[in-house]
Protein backbone atom coordinates (compact mmCIF):
# COMPACT_ATOMS: atom_id res chain seq x y z
CA MET A 1 0.00 0.00 0.00
CA PRO A 2 1.45 3.44 -0.90
CA GLN A 3 2.58 5.48 2.09
CA PRO A 4 2.61 9.25 2.64
CA LEU A 5 5.94 10.75 1.65
CA THR A 6 7.64 14.11 1.54
CA VAL A 7 9.21 14.37 -1.91
CA ALA A 8 11.57 16.94 -3.41
CA GLY A 9 10.98 17.78 -7.06
CA ILE A 10 13.91 19.31 -8.96
CA MET A 11 13.43 20.98 -12.32
CA SER A 12 15.48 23.05 -14.73
CA GLY A 13 13.79 23.87 -18.01
CA THR A 14 14.67 24.68 -21.59
CA SER A 15 15.30 28.34 -20.68
CA ALA A 16 18.30 27.05 -18.67
CA ASP A 17 18.00 29.94 -16.23
CA GLY A 18 18.23 27.95 -13.01
CA ILE A 19 16.96 25.21 -10.71
CA ASP A 20 13.58 25.04 -8.97
CA VAL A 21 13.20 22.81 -5.91
CA ALA A 22 9.71 22.01 -4.62
CA LEU A 23 9.16 20.18 -1.34
CA VAL A 24 5.85 18.35 -1.51
CA ARG A 25 3.83 16.20 0.89
CA ILE A 26 1.88 13.49 -0.93
CA ALA A 27 -0.72 11.29 0.74
CA PRO A 28 -2.26 8.19 -0.86
CA GLN A 29 -5.93 7.56 -1.31
CA ARG A 30 -7.35 4.86 0.92
CA ALA A 31 -10.49 4.32 -1.14
CA VAL A 32 -11.36 5.31 -4.70
CA ILE A 33 -14.37 7.60 -4.99
CA PRO A 34 -16.13 6.51 -8.20
CA GLY A 35 -16.97 9.23 -10.69
CA THR A 36 -14.99 11.94 -8.95
CA PRO A 37 -12.48 13.66 -11.27
CA GLY A 38 -8.90 13.34 -10.11
CA ARG A 39 -9.69 10.68 -7.54
CA GLY A 40 -8.86 7.67 -9.67
CA THR A 41 -5.17 8.57 -9.48
CA GLY A 42 -4.50 7.11 -6.04
CA ILE A 43 -3.63 10.54 -4.56
CA SER A 44 -5.85 12.02 -1.85
CA LYS A 45 -3.80 15.10 -1.00
CA LEU A 46 -0.81 16.89 -2.47
CA THR A 47 0.55 19.87 -0.54
CA LEU A 48 3.37 22.18 -1.57
CA LEU A 49 5.38 22.73 1.61
CA ALA A 50 8.07 25.02 0.20
CA HIS A 51 9.66 26.21 -3.03
CA ARG A 52 13.14 27.55 -3.62
CA ALA A 53 14.76 28.84 -6.82
CA PHE A 54 18.50 28.86 -7.54
CA PRO A 55 19.88 30.61 -10.64
CA PHE A 56 22.63 28.87 -12.58
CA SER A 57 26.04 30.49 -12.34
CA ARG A 58 27.01 32.29 -15.52
CA PRO A 59 29.69 29.73 -16.53
CA LEU A 60 27.34 26.79 -15.96
CA ARG A 61 24.50 28.41 -17.91
CA GLN A 62 26.88 29.15 -20.78
CA ALA A 63 28.01 25.51 -20.77
CA ILE A 64 24.40 24.28 -20.85
CA LEU A 65 23.43 26.57 -23.71
CA ALA A 66 26.57 25.67 -25.64
CA ALA A 67 25.75 21.96 -25.35
CA MET A 68 22.15 22.49 -26.43
CA ASN A 69 23.02 24.66 -29.39
CA ALA A 70 26.19 22.91 -30.56
CA ALA A 71 26.29 21.33 -34.01
CA SER A 72 29.00 19.09 -32.58
CA THR A 73 30.79 18.68 -29.26
CA SER A 74 33.05 16.21 -27.47
CA ALA A 75 32.18 13.22 -25.32
CA ALA A 76 34.37 14.73 -22.60
CA GLU A 77 32.42 17.99 -22.62
CA LEU A 78 29.10 16.17 -22.32
CA ALA A 79 30.34 13.90 -19.52
CA ARG A 80 31.64 16.89 -17.57
CA LEU A 81 28.38 18.77 -17.99
CA ASN A 82 26.38 15.77 -16.79
CA TRP A 83 28.42 15.54 -13.59
CA ARG A 84 28.59 19.31 -13.05
CA LEU A 85 24.80 19.50 -13.24
CA GLY A 86 24.45 16.64 -10.78
CA LEU A 87 26.57 18.63 -8.34
CA ALA A 88 24.44 21.76 -8.95
CA TYR A 89 21.21 19.85 -8.29
CA ALA A 90 22.65 18.31 -5.11
CA GLU A 91 23.74 21.73 -3.82
CA ALA A 92 20.35 23.27 -4.62
CA LEU A 93 18.48 20.49 -2.85
CA GLN A 94 20.72 20.69 0.21
CA ALA A 95 20.26 24.47 0.32
CA ALA A 96 16.48 24.03 0.16
CA ILE A 97 16.64 21.53 3.03
CA ASP A 98 18.87 23.83 5.10
CA THR A 99 16.69 26.92 4.62
CA THR A 100 13.33 25.21 5.18
CA GLY A 101 14.20 22.55 7.75
CA ILE A 102 12.26 20.05 5.64
CA ARG A 103 14.10 16.83 4.80
CA PRO A 104 12.38 14.80 2.05
CA ASP A 105 12.14 11.03 1.94
CA LEU A 106 12.69 10.94 -1.82
CA THR A 107 13.85 13.16 -4.68
CA GLY A 108 12.55 13.36 -8.25
CA CYS A 109 14.99 15.11 -10.58
CA HIS A 110 13.97 15.81 -14.16
CA GLY A 111 17.46 16.93 -15.16
CA GLN A 112 18.43 19.34 -17.91
CA THR A 113 17.24 18.38 -21.37
CA VAL A 114 20.12 18.77 -23.81
CA TYR A 115 18.37 17.02 -26.70
CA HIS A 116 14.82 15.85 -27.30
CA GLN A 117 13.50 14.21 -30.46
CA GLY A 118 10.02 12.92 -29.71
CA THR A 119 9.27 11.44 -33.13
CA PRO A 120 11.33 8.73 -34.87
CA ALA A 121 13.85 9.72 -37.53
CA LEU A 122 16.37 7.68 -39.50
CA TYR A 123 19.71 7.14 -37.77
CA ALA A 124 22.33 4.47 -38.59
CA GLY A 125 19.84 2.50 -40.61
CA ARG A 126 16.96 2.52 -38.10
CA ARG A 127 14.22 4.99 -37.21
CA ILE A 128 14.48 6.03 -33.57
CA ALA A 129 13.19 8.67 -31.18
CA CYS A 130 15.45 9.80 -28.34
CA SER A 131 15.81 12.15 -25.40
CA TRP A 132 18.69 13.03 -23.10
CA GLN A 133 18.54 14.73 -19.70
CA PHE A 134 21.73 15.59 -17.81
CA GLY A 135 22.39 15.68 -14.07
CA GLU A 136 24.18 12.66 -12.56
CA PRO A 137 21.72 11.23 -9.97
CA ALA A 138 24.42 9.29 -8.09
CA LEU A 139 25.94 12.63 -7.04
CA ILE A 140 22.59 13.93 -5.81
CA ALA A 141 21.92 10.78 -3.78
CA ALA A 142 25.45 10.62 -2.35
CA ARG A 143 25.60 14.31 -1.39
CA THR A 144 22.16 14.44 0.24
CA GLY A 145 21.68 10.88 1.49
CA ILE A 146 18.27 10.72 -0.23
CA PRO A 147 17.31 8.26 -2.99
CA VAL A 148 16.69 9.84 -6.40
CA VAL A 149 14.28 9.03 -9.20
CA SER A 150 15.50 10.40 -12.55
CA ASN A 151 15.46 9.76 -16.32
CA PHE A 152 11.67 9.95 -16.59
CA ARG A 153 11.15 10.26 -20.34
CA PRO A 154 12.60 7.06 -21.88
CA ALA A 155 10.03 4.59 -20.50
CA ASP A 156 7.18 6.53 -22.11
CA MET A 157 9.10 6.71 -25.39
CA ALA A 158 9.81 2.98 -25.27
CA ALA A 159 6.04 2.51 -25.01
CA GLY A 160 5.55 4.52 -28.21
CA GLY A 161 5.04 7.95 -26.63
CA GLN A 162 6.94 11.19 -27.21
CA GLY A 163 8.25 11.35 -23.66
CA ALA A 164 6.47 14.68 -23.25
CA PRO A 165 4.60 16.32 -21.77
CA LEU A 166 4.92 14.64 -18.36
CA VAL A 167 3.10 17.27 -16.26
CA PRO A 168 -0.48 16.13 -17.16
CA LEU A 169 -0.73 13.68 -14.24
CA LEU A 170 -0.20 16.55 -11.80
CA ASP A 171 -2.61 18.73 -13.76
CA TYR A 172 -5.27 16.04 -13.52
CA VAL A 173 -4.69 15.44 -9.80
CA LEU A 174 -4.86 19.15 -8.91
CA TYR A 175 -7.21 20.69 -11.44
CA SER A 176 -9.81 18.26 -12.82
CA HIS A 177 -13.30 19.59 -12.07
CA PRO A 178 -16.83 18.16 -12.30
CA THR A 179 -18.41 21.09 -14.16
CA ARG A 180 -15.62 23.27 -15.60
CA ALA A 181 -13.04 22.48 -18.25
CA ARG A 182 -9.49 23.33 -17.29
CA ILE A 183 -6.63 24.30 -19.62
CA LEU A 184 -3.26 24.39 -17.88
CA GLN A 185 -0.74 26.34 -19.94
CA ASN A 186 2.90 26.30 -18.92
CA ILE A 187 5.11 28.95 -20.53
CA GLY A 188 8.74 28.07 -19.93
CA GLY A 189 11.30 27.99 -22.70
CA ILE A 190 8.73 25.92 -24.58
CA GLY A 191 4.97 26.27 -24.14
CA ASN A 192 2.89 23.22 -23.27
CA LEU A 193 -0.71 22.73 -22.27
CA THR A 194 -2.95 20.17 -20.62
CA ALA A 195 -6.67 20.24 -21.44
CA ILE A 196 -9.06 18.50 -19.05
CA PRO A 197 -12.75 18.41 -20.06
CA ALA A 198 -15.32 18.82 -17.30
CA ALA A 199 -15.85 15.57 -15.37
CA ALA A 200 -13.16 13.90 -17.48
CA GLY A 201 -11.52 10.59 -16.82
CA GLN A 202 -7.75 10.45 -17.02
CA ASP A 203 -7.94 8.86 -20.47
CA GLN A 204 -9.71 11.98 -21.78
CA VAL A 205 -6.84 14.34 -20.98
CA LEU A 206 -5.23 16.04 -23.97
CA ALA A 207 -1.75 17.54 -23.66
CA PHE A 208 0.97 18.71 -26.04
CA ASP A 209 3.64 21.33 -26.64
CA THR A 210 2.26 24.49 -28.23
CA GLY A 211 5.61 25.78 -29.53
CA PRO A 212 7.96 28.50 -28.28
CA GLY A 213 7.32 29.92 -24.84
CA ASN A 214 9.99 32.34 -23.61
CA MET A 215 12.75 30.85 -25.73
CA ILE A 216 12.74 33.25 -28.67
CA ILE A 217 11.89 36.26 -26.50
CA ASP A 218 14.83 35.50 -24.22
CA ALA A 219 17.23 34.98 -27.13
CA LEU A 220 16.30 38.36 -28.63
CA MET A 221 16.53 40.13 -25.27
CA GLN A 222 20.02 38.72 -24.71
CA ARG A 223 21.23 39.69 -28.16
CA LEU A 224 19.51 43.06 -28.56
CA CYS A 225 19.21 44.38 -25.01
CA SER A 226 21.92 42.49 -23.06
CA ARG A 227 19.29 41.34 -20.59
CA PRO A 228 18.33 37.71 -19.85
CA TYR A 229 14.59 38.14 -20.38
CA ASP A 230 11.83 40.72 -20.88
CA ARG A 231 10.90 41.52 -17.29
CA GLY A 232 7.13 42.01 -17.09
CA GLY A 233 6.92 42.20 -20.88
CA ARG A 234 7.96 45.86 -20.74
CA THR A 235 10.17 45.78 -23.84
CA ALA A 236 7.43 44.12 -25.90
CA ALA A 237 4.90 46.64 -24.62
CA ARG A 238 7.00 49.45 -26.12
CA GLY A 239 7.17 47.77 -29.51
CA LYS A 240 4.84 46.83 -32.33
CA ALA A 241 4.40 43.29 -33.63
CA LEU A 242 5.51 43.02 -37.26
CA GLU A 243 2.54 41.34 -38.89
CA PRO A 244 4.31 39.95 -42.01
CA VAL A 245 6.91 38.24 -39.83
CA LEU A 246 4.26 36.94 -37.44
CA ARG A 247 2.09 35.53 -40.25
CA ALA A 248 5.07 33.82 -41.87
CA ALA A 249 6.24 32.34 -38.54
CA LEU A 250 2.80 30.91 -37.82
CA LYS A 251 3.08 28.85 -41.02
CA GLU A 252 5.83 26.78 -39.35
CA ARG A 253 5.02 23.09 -39.87
CA PHE A 254 5.07 22.33 -36.13
CA PHE A 255 2.02 24.51 -35.49
CA ARG A 256 -0.07 22.54 -38.00
CA LEU A 257 0.80 19.12 -36.58
CA PRO A 258 -1.98 17.50 -34.55
CA PRO A 259 -1.25 16.32 -31.00
CA PRO A 260 0.53 14.49 -29.52
CA LYS A 261 3.59 16.57 -30.30
CA SER A 262 6.63 17.91 -28.47
CA ALA A 263 9.19 20.61 -29.19
CA GLY A 264 12.44 22.03 -27.89
CA ARG A 265 15.53 23.94 -28.89
CA GLU A 266 15.81 21.58 -31.84
CA GLN A 267 12.86 23.47 -33.42
CA PHE A 268 12.95 26.90 -31.75
CA GLY A 269 16.50 27.37 -30.46
CA ALA A 270 19.39 29.62 -31.46
CA GLY A 271 19.17 28.93 -35.20
CA TYR A 272 15.45 29.71 -35.31
CA ALA A 273 15.93 32.90 -33.25
CA HIS A 274 18.67 34.07 -35.64
CA GLU A 275 16.40 33.61 -38.68
CA PHE A 276 13.46 35.22 -36.86
CA LEU A 277 15.52 38.32 -36.03
CA ALA A 278 16.78 38.56 -39.61
CA ALA A 279 13.17 38.57 -40.84
CA CYS A 280 12.25 41.29 -38.33
CA ARG A 281 15.19 43.48 -39.36
CA LYS A 282 14.02 43.52 -42.96
CA ILE A 283 11.05 45.58 -41.72
CA SER A 284 12.23 47.30 -38.54
CA ARG A 285 15.60 47.79 -36.80
CA ARG A 286 13.93 48.60 -33.47
CA PRO A 287 14.68 45.96 -30.80
CA ASN A 288 11.31 46.58 -29.17
CA ASP A 289 9.51 45.57 -32.37
CA ALA A 290 11.43 42.29 -32.66
CA VAL A 291 10.67 41.40 -29.03
CA ALA A 292 7.01 42.42 -29.49
CA THR A 293 6.80 40.14 -32.55
CA ALA A 294 8.33 37.19 -30.65
CA THR A 295 5.89 37.78 -27.80
CA ALA A 296 2.98 37.85 -30.25
CA LEU A 297 4.22 34.60 -31.81
CA THR A 298 4.19 32.84 -28.44
CA ALA A 299 0.72 34.18 -27.59
CA GLU A 300 -0.84 33.48 -30.98
CA SER A 301 0.65 29.98 -31.28
CA ILE A 302 -0.86 29.16 -27.88
CA ALA A 303 -4.22 30.72 -28.76
CA GLU A 304 -4.37 28.95 -32.11
CA SER A 305 -3.54 25.63 -30.42
CA VAL A 306 -6.44 26.16 -28.05
CA ARG A 307 -8.86 27.17 -30.80
CA ARG A 308 -7.88 24.35 -33.17
CA TRP A 309 -7.20 21.37 -30.91
CA VAL A 310 -8.75 22.08 -27.51
CA LEU A 311 -12.01 24.00 -27.73
CA PRO A 312 -13.71 21.38 -29.95
CA ARG A 313 -12.92 18.79 -27.24
CA ILE A 314 -14.19 20.74 -24.23
CA ALA A 315 -17.17 22.72 -25.54
CA PRO A 316 -19.69 23.80 -24.34
CA ALA A 317 -18.29 23.89 -20.78
CA PRO A 318 -16.68 27.17 -19.68
CA ALA A 319 -12.91 26.85 -19.42
CA ASP A 320 -10.46 28.09 -16.83
CA PHE A 321 -7.18 28.90 -18.63
CA ILE A 322 -4.54 28.71 -15.90
CA VAL A 323 -0.98 29.80 -16.70
CA SER A 324 2.29 28.78 -15.04
CA GLY A 325 5.99 29.10 -15.82
CA GLY A 326 8.12 32.21 -16.16
CA GLY A 327 5.91 33.51 -18.98
CA ALA A 328 3.09 33.94 -16.48
CA ARG A 329 5.03 36.97 -15.18
CA ASN A 330 4.99 38.61 -18.63
CA ALA A 331 2.06 41.03 -18.48
CA THR A 332 2.21 41.78 -22.22
CA LEU A 333 2.03 38.09 -23.08
CA LEU A 334 -0.93 37.54 -20.74
CA ALA A 335 -2.71 40.55 -22.24
CA HIS A 336 -2.35 38.96 -25.69
CA LEU A 337 -3.81 35.71 -24.36
CA ARG A 338 -6.75 37.47 -22.72
CA GLN A 339 -7.54 39.30 -25.94
CA SER A 340 -7.43 36.06 -27.94
CA LEU A 341 -9.12 33.61 -25.58
CA GLU A 342 -11.62 35.44 -23.39
CA PRO A 343 -14.06 35.77 -26.34
CA HIS A 344 -14.04 31.93 -26.41
CA ASN A 345 -15.46 31.62 -22.87
CA CYS A 346 -12.01 31.21 -21.27
CA THR A 347 -11.18 32.84 -17.95
CA ILE A 348 -7.46 33.67 -17.66
CA SER A 349 -5.56 33.30 -14.36
CA THR A 350 -2.27 31.88 -13.03
CA THR A 351 -1.49 28.98 -10.72
CA ASP A 352 -0.58 31.54 -8.04
CA SER A 353 -4.32 31.83 -7.41
CA THR A 354 -4.50 28.09 -6.69
CA GLY A 355 -1.62 28.01 -4.20
CA ILE A 356 1.09 26.83 -6.62
CA PRO A 357 3.62 29.55 -7.52
CA VAL A 358 3.98 29.77 -11.29
CA GLU A 359 7.70 28.99 -11.04
CA ALA A 360 7.13 25.85 -8.92
CA LYS A 361 4.58 23.80 -10.82
CA GLU A 362 6.89 21.69 -12.96
CA ALA A 363 9.10 20.87 -9.99
CA VAL A 364 5.97 19.77 -8.11
CA ALA A 365 5.11 17.54 -11.08
CA PHE A 366 8.40 15.66 -10.85
CA ALA A 367 7.92 15.17 -7.12
CA LEU A 368 4.63 13.46 -7.94
CA LEU A 369 6.19 11.35 -10.70
CA ALA A 370 8.94 10.23 -8.31
CA TYR A 371 6.27 9.26 -5.76
CA GLN A 372 4.51 7.19 -8.44
CA THR A 373 7.69 5.40 -9.46
CA TRP A 374 8.70 4.68 -5.86
CA HIS A 375 5.35 2.93 -5.38
CA HIS A 376 5.53 1.05 -8.71
CA LEU A 377 2.73 3.14 -10.22
CA PRO A 378 2.62 4.61 -13.76
CA GLY A 379 3.31 8.31 -14.22
CA ASN A 380 2.59 9.02 -17.86
CA VAL A 381 -0.80 9.89 -19.33
CA PRO A 382 -0.92 7.95 -22.63
CA SER A 383 -3.59 10.19 -24.16
CA ALA A 384 -1.13 13.08 -23.69
CA THR A 385 2.14 11.52 -24.83
CA GLY A 386 0.81 9.07 -27.42
CA ALA A 387 2.16 6.02 -25.57
CA ALA A 388 0.46 2.69 -26.18
CA ARG A 389 0.14 2.00 -22.44
CA PRO A 390 0.73 3.44 -18.97
CA ALA A 391 4.41 3.24 -18.05
CA LEU A 392 6.44 3.16 -14.87
CA LEU A 393 8.75 6.13 -15.39
CA GLY A 394 12.34 6.67 -14.38
CA SER A 395 15.25 4.95 -12.70
CA ILE A 396 15.94 4.84 -8.96
CA THR A 397 19.37 5.63 -7.56
CA TYR A 398 19.64 4.40 -3.99
CA VAL A 399 21.86 5.82 -1.27
């Protein structure tokens, strides 16, 4: 029988800006309540006890971005980065323990994605999909004395899924509702959503990556303004979206693909940002206009995903559109989303209003997935990832 546990979730996303640590208390369900959304998951209560954020040092962030954007690199460089990230995660977790006084029973570490290819492509004579997350779990376990669950994506991919998104189980546990549809939109480096129809069973959940989140915005801010991101969306607010560039960008093949689908720096990384900026500069040399156009691309790609793939599945129930991730702090981006989605009976808010800080949600998700794995329970949602079956996710590194 599953037991209550305190679990640390560790997450660093495609923006590669730092590490989030969530300390979560998870209690099992003693009896299933038939017909109650979210209650068929085996979880009766999930409580966020504390959240801490730790920015990457400048040299480590540069090493991460170099590995993600490199056309080629060395085995030595990759091995070093894997171990250096393991040390960074261990130090972040220990700092969270020291500052909160909360010592978890278990850790779930997503790691840093350096490459993700969710759909099969030809390689060495065979078609394969693949994904690689860095952060040596043996270092985390040894430094903290706490067992670690890591490497979550491969088991779903081996079952025919894309290995992403993996947050839908948390979304279902926390947000499924008997009378309202819920759309949970995370805006990190990449945008991803989970759509839960009113009174839905877990097999009715739809989830997929919507395209770029903050990734292109951040790249332009770093190049044009020497700042890591557009704080509050202020730079975009002073610019004007360049409609020809926006219309051309929205013709990108990824946006037309039906779910399940996943994306990363492979589609919207440094090379894409370079081409996007070149297109903007043919019309305007103003940095504000380029950032405004990137912000509009993120907002419109999300809105179009909702209109095309989600609303037909959840109508006629009203929908709560609940945003998390760093993009939830971008007021200009949220204003775009309100303008696009509120006419479609969507109410826009953030996870802050539900007790989960927008920066913490994905770390909380990996705490839950670690809890599932520890108790030999599946963590993927096949209707979201495209897997043929539920899968037990991750590998356990013992102390």
